[in-house]
Protein backbone atom coordinates (compact mmCIF):
# COMPACT_ATOMS: atom_id res chain seq x y z
CA MET A 1 -3.05 -14.40 -6.53
CA ASP A 2 -2.97 -13.53 -2.82
CA GLY A 3 -5.04 -11.31 -0.58
CA ILE A 4 -4.08 -8.23 1.39
CA ILE A 5 -6.35 -6.87 4.10
CA THR A 6 -7.02 -3.13 3.93
CA PRO A 7 -7.50 -1.03 7.09
CA GLU A 8 -11.29 -1.32 6.62
CA ALA A 9 -10.96 -5.15 6.73
CA VAL A 10 -11.59 -5.61 3.01
CA VAL A 11 -9.62 -8.38 1.31
CA LEU A 12 -8.10 -7.29 -2.00
CA GLU A 13 -6.84 -9.87 -4.46
CA VAL A 14 -3.37 -8.99 -5.74
CA GLU A 15 -0.78 -10.82 -7.80
CA THR A 16 2.42 -11.22 -5.84
CA ALA A 17 5.76 -11.21 -7.66
CA GLY A 18 7.42 -14.56 -8.24
CA VAL A 19 11.07 -15.56 -8.17
CA ALA A 20 11.83 -14.91 -11.85
CA SER A 21 10.50 -11.36 -11.98
CA ARG A 22 12.16 -10.46 -8.67
CA VAL A 23 15.51 -11.90 -9.77
CA LEU A 24 15.39 -9.96 -13.04
CA ALA A 25 14.45 -6.77 -11.19
CA GLY A 26 17.32 -7.37 -8.76
CA LEU A 27 19.78 -7.91 -11.61
CA LEU A 28 18.69 -4.67 -13.26
CA ASP A 29 19.15 -2.84 -9.97
CA LEU A 30 22.62 -4.36 -9.56
CA ILE A 31 23.56 -3.15 -13.04
CA VAL A 32 22.42 0.36 -12.12
CA GLN A 33 24.28 0.20 -8.81
CA PHE A 34 27.51 -0.97 -10.44
CA GLY A 35 27.12 1.79 -13.02
CA ILE A 36 26.88 4.33 -10.20
CA ILE A 37 29.90 2.79 -8.44
CA ILE A 38 31.98 2.88 -11.64
CA ALA A 39 31.03 6.50 -12.30
CA VAL A 40 31.90 7.50 -8.74
CA SER A 41 35.16 5.53 -8.85
CA ILE A 42 36.23 7.47 -11.93
CA VAL A 43 35.50 10.74 -10.15
CA VAL A 44 37.32 9.54 -7.03
CA SER A 45 40.36 8.47 -9.06
CA ILE A 46 40.51 11.87 -10.77
CA VAL A 47 39.96 13.91 -7.62
CA GLY A 48 42.22 11.78 -5.44
CA LEU A 49 45.28 11.57 -7.69
CA GLY A 50 47.53 12.88 -4.95
CA GLU A 51 46.16 10.62 -2.21
CA SER A 52 47.65 7.33 -1.09
CA GLU A 53 46.36 4.04 -2.40
CA SER A 54 44.99 3.10 1.04
CA SER A 55 42.96 6.33 1.24
CA SER A 56 41.49 5.73 -2.22
CA ASN A 57 40.63 2.14 -1.29
CA THR A 58 38.95 3.29 1.92
CA MET A 59 36.94 5.90 0.05
CA MET A 60 35.85 3.36 -2.58
CA ALA A 61 34.80 0.92 0.13
CA ILE A 62 32.61 3.62 1.65
CA VAL A 63 31.15 4.44 -1.77
CA VAL A 64 30.34 0.80 -2.51
CA ALA A 65 28.65 0.32 0.87
CA ALA A 66 26.70 3.56 0.51
CA VAL A 67 25.45 2.66 -2.98
CA LEU A 68 24.53 -0.95 -2.15
CA MET A 69 22.68 0.04 1.02
CA GLY A 70 21.44 3.51 0.13
CA TYR A 71 20.16 2.82 -3.38
CA PRO A 72 17.15 0.65 -2.42
CA VAL A 73 16.27 2.80 0.58
CA VAL A 74 16.27 6.10 -1.31
CA LEU A 75 14.48 4.83 -4.40
CA GLU A 76 11.84 2.75 -2.61
CA THR A 77 11.05 5.70 -0.35
CA LEU A 78 10.88 8.30 -3.12
CA MET A 79 9.27 6.05 -5.74
CA ARG A 80 6.70 4.55 -3.36
CA GLY A 81 7.99 1.00 -3.25
CA ARG A 82 9.77 0.86 -6.59
CA THR A 83 13.36 0.86 -7.82
CA VAL A 84 14.60 1.07 -11.40
CA GLY A 85 14.49 -2.72 -11.65
CA LYS A 86 11.04 -3.03 -10.09
CA ARG A 87 9.67 -0.30 -12.34
CA ALA A 88 11.04 -2.06 -15.42
CA MET A 89 9.47 -5.36 -14.35
CA GLY A 90 6.18 -3.79 -13.25
CA LEU A 91 6.63 -4.54 -9.54
CA ARG A 92 6.04 -2.52 -6.39
CA ALA A 93 6.62 -3.16 -2.69
CA VAL A 94 3.62 -2.38 -0.47
CA THR A 95 2.71 -3.01 3.16
CA LEU A 96 0.58 -5.99 4.13
CA GLU A 97 -2.39 -3.58 4.23
CA GLY A 98 -1.71 -2.46 0.67
CA ALA A 99 -0.43 1.00 1.66
CA PRO A 100 2.70 2.63 0.19
CA ILE A 101 5.88 1.81 2.06
CA ARG A 102 7.72 4.49 4.01
CA LEU A 103 11.31 5.08 5.04
CA ARG A 104 11.19 2.64 7.95
CA HIS A 105 9.90 -0.13 5.68
CA ALA A 106 12.60 0.60 3.10
CA LEU A 107 15.31 0.50 5.78
CA LEU A 108 14.12 -2.85 7.13
CA ARG A 109 13.83 -4.26 3.61
CA MET A 110 17.39 -3.15 2.89
CA MET A 111 18.75 -4.75 6.07
CA GLY A 112 16.96 -7.99 5.30
CA GLY A 113 18.18 -7.74 1.72
CA LEU A 114 21.77 -7.97 2.94
CA VAL A 115 20.91 -11.42 4.26
CA ASP A 116 18.89 -12.37 1.17
CA ARG A 117 21.56 -11.42 -1.34
CA PHE A 118 24.94 -11.67 0.34
CA LEU A 119 24.64 -14.49 2.90
CA PRO A 120 26.48 -17.47 1.39
CA PRO A 121 25.53 -19.05 -0.91
CA ILE A 122 24.85 -15.65 -2.48
CA GLY A 123 21.22 -15.12 -3.48
CA VAL A 124 20.03 -18.60 -2.50
CA THR A 125 18.62 -17.51 0.87
CA GLY A 126 16.33 -14.92 -0.70
CA THR A 127 15.22 -17.33 -3.45
CA LEU A 128 14.36 -20.06 -0.96
CA MET A 129 12.43 -17.61 1.21
CA VAL A 130 10.36 -16.40 -1.76
CA LEU A 131 9.59 -19.98 -2.74
CA ALA A 132 8.80 -21.11 0.80
CA THR A 133 6.55 -18.29 2.03
CA PRO A 134 2.84 -18.11 1.09
CA ARG A 135 3.11 -14.48 -0.05
CA HIS A 136 6.51 -14.84 -1.73
CA GLN A 137 8.28 -12.80 0.94
CA ARG A 138 12.02 -12.70 1.44
CA VAL A 139 13.71 -11.93 4.76
CA GLY A 140 13.48 -8.17 4.19
CA ASP A 141 9.75 -8.42 3.50
CA LEU A 142 9.15 -10.42 6.67
CA MET A 143 11.12 -7.90 8.74
CA ALA A 144 9.32 -4.88 7.25
CA GLY A 145 5.84 -6.38 6.93
CA THR A 146 5.74 -5.88 3.15
CA ILE A 147 5.02 -7.85 0.00
CA VAL A 148 6.02 -7.26 -3.62
CA VAL A 149 3.08 -7.16 -6.02
CA ARG A 150 2.45 -6.57 -9.68
CA ASP A 151 2.28 -2.81 -9.99
CA PRO A 152 -1.38 -1.72 -10.13
CA ASP A 153 -0.23 1.25 -12.23
CA ARG A 154 0.08 -1.22 -15.10
CA THR A 155 -3.63 -2.04 -14.90
CA ALA A 156 -6.67 0.02 -15.80
CA LEU A 157 -7.70 1.88 -12.65
CA PRO A 158 -11.03 3.59 -12.01
CA LYS A 159 -11.14 7.35 -12.28
CA GLY A 160 -10.28 9.32 -9.21
CA VAL A 161 -12.98 10.98 -7.14
CA TRP A 162 -12.75 14.62 -6.14
CA PHE A 163 -14.80 15.10 -2.97
CA PRO A 164 -16.60 18.45 -2.64
CA VAL A 165 -16.94 20.54 0.49
CA PRO A 166 -20.65 20.43 1.45
CA PRO A 167 -22.45 23.70 0.64
CA GLY A 168 -22.33 26.08 3.60
CA TYR A 169 -19.31 24.37 5.16
CA GLU A 170 -16.62 26.26 3.26
CA PHE A 171 -15.39 28.30 6.23
CA TYR A 172 -15.67 25.32 8.56
CA ALA A 173 -13.61 23.14 6.18
CA ALA A 174 -10.99 25.87 5.89
CA SER A 175 -10.32 25.55 9.63
CA ILE A 176 -9.25 21.91 9.24
CA ASP A 177 -5.54 21.19 8.88
CA PRO A 178 -5.21 17.71 7.28
CA THR A 179 -1.43 17.47 7.73
CA ALA A 180 -1.58 14.78 10.43
CA MET A 181 -3.82 12.46 8.40
CA THR A 182 -2.08 9.38 7.01
CA ASP A 183 -2.70 7.73 3.65
CA ALA A 184 -4.28 4.77 5.44
CA GLN A 185 -6.76 6.97 7.33
CA TYR A 186 -7.68 8.84 4.16
CA THR A 187 -8.22 5.52 2.36
CA VAL A 188 -10.61 4.29 5.06
CA ILE A 189 -12.71 7.48 5.01
CA ARG A 190 -12.72 7.55 1.21
CA SER A 191 -13.91 3.95 1.09
CA PHE A 192 -16.71 4.69 3.53
CA LEU A 193 -17.94 7.74 1.60
CA LEU A 194 -18.00 5.78 -1.64
CA ARG A 195 -19.83 2.80 -0.16
CA ASN A 196 -21.98 4.28 2.60
CA ARG A 197 -25.20 3.80 0.60
CA GLU A 198 -24.75 0.06 0.98
CA LEU A 199 -25.26 0.36 4.76
CA GLY A 200 -28.43 0.65 6.78
CA ALA A 201 -29.27 4.07 8.21
CA ASP A 202 -28.24 3.26 11.80
CA ALA A 203 -25.04 1.46 10.82
CA ARG A 204 -24.18 4.23 8.37
CA TYR A 205 -24.54 6.96 10.99
CA ALA A 206 -22.71 4.98 13.68
CA LEU A 207 -19.76 4.24 11.41
CA ALA A 208 -19.64 7.84 10.17
CA ALA A 209 -19.65 9.12 13.75
CA ASP A 210 -16.86 6.73 14.73
CA LEU A 211 -14.72 7.77 11.76
CA ALA A 212 -15.42 11.44 12.41
CA ALA A 213 -14.37 11.10 16.05
CA ARG A 214 -11.16 9.31 15.05
CA ALA A 215 -10.37 11.92 12.39
CA SER A 216 -11.07 14.72 14.84
CA ALA A 217 -8.66 13.20 17.37
CA THR A 218 -5.94 12.71 14.74
CA LEU A 219 -6.27 16.23 13.34
CA HIS A 220 -6.76 17.88 16.76
CA HIS A 221 -9.83 19.61 15.33
CA HIS A 222 -13.01 19.93 17.36
CA TRP A 223 -16.03 18.07 16.00
CA ASN A 224 -19.39 18.24 17.70
CA ALA A 225 -22.85 16.80 17.14
CA ASP A 226 -24.07 19.99 15.43
CA VAL A 227 -22.08 18.93 12.35
CA HIS A 228 -23.34 15.77 10.67
CA PRO A 229 -20.50 13.19 10.77
CA GLU A 230 -20.63 12.57 7.01
CA ALA A 231 -20.44 16.31 6.36
CA TYR A 232 -17.42 16.44 8.66
CA LEU A 233 -15.77 13.55 6.82
CA LEU A 234 -16.39 15.27 3.50
CA CYS A 235 -14.74 18.41 4.81
CA VAL A 236 -11.75 16.35 6.02
CA VAL A 237 -11.16 14.43 2.78
CA ALA A 238 -11.79 17.52 0.66
CA ARG A 239 -9.13 19.41 2.59
CA TYR A 240 -6.78 16.41 2.38
CA GLN A 241 -7.18 16.16 -1.38
CA ARG A 242 -6.74 19.86 -2.00
CA ARG A 243 -3.65 19.97 0.16
CA ASN A 244 -1.95 16.91 -1.30
CA PHE A 245 -3.20 17.06 -4.90
CA PRO A 246 -3.80 20.76 -5.65
CA ALA A 247 -3.50 20.34 -9.43
CA TYR A 248 -5.52 17.13 -9.75
CA GLN A 249 -9.30 17.45 -10.17
CA PRO A 250 -11.06 14.35 -11.49
CA ALA A 251 -14.81 14.01 -11.91
CA SER A 252 -16.88 15.38 -9.03
CA TRP A 253 -18.86 13.14 -6.72
CA SER A 254 -22.17 13.90 -5.04
CA PRO A 255 -23.02 12.39 -1.65
């Protein structure tokens, strides 16, 4: 078990993936990649019957490179840190803050993976890095600032919370465009709204005002003192949820 620090400076205990599970996931991914290469090679051989042997070899070399390098980037970006192998083994790559990885993280992980897997002796570099680093990170993880953890989707998660727009603020909330808000910013505001009753009155208002000012700057939406900061934050997260999860409505929450 290792800790990751969320944007609100909360340490979450997570189980990082060890060598065995990562090797098995990598082998499964290699099987899938070779399957793709074989399928493409058959198509290339059929389509390129009239081409020279050198042209076919060049095309296959491009296909192999594209599959080996593109496969992890595309899948980890679209599947939020997972590949076929990671999904089968219950693993997921996340940032050091616990957020989903993005394209830039997947690209850096892929480039580091070339060193991990293909630098002679093949595979030993990545294995040694996982064993030697406190968070079981290989070269690609260190470059991208990521770790591989046991997928939390495999565990029982609490029910989602659907934040309401405060009564009377419907038109005001409709003027907010949440497009610029990141997952990390939403997570921080959500955490505050769920735990604000644990704070003293002054600290609660000060933190709400700070978060509201930051959200206002990110969204380029004017916020003034006439709107209570917690009401503004509720409007922001409500708009974010309804934009990103229009069909998902878990149990309501009352402030």
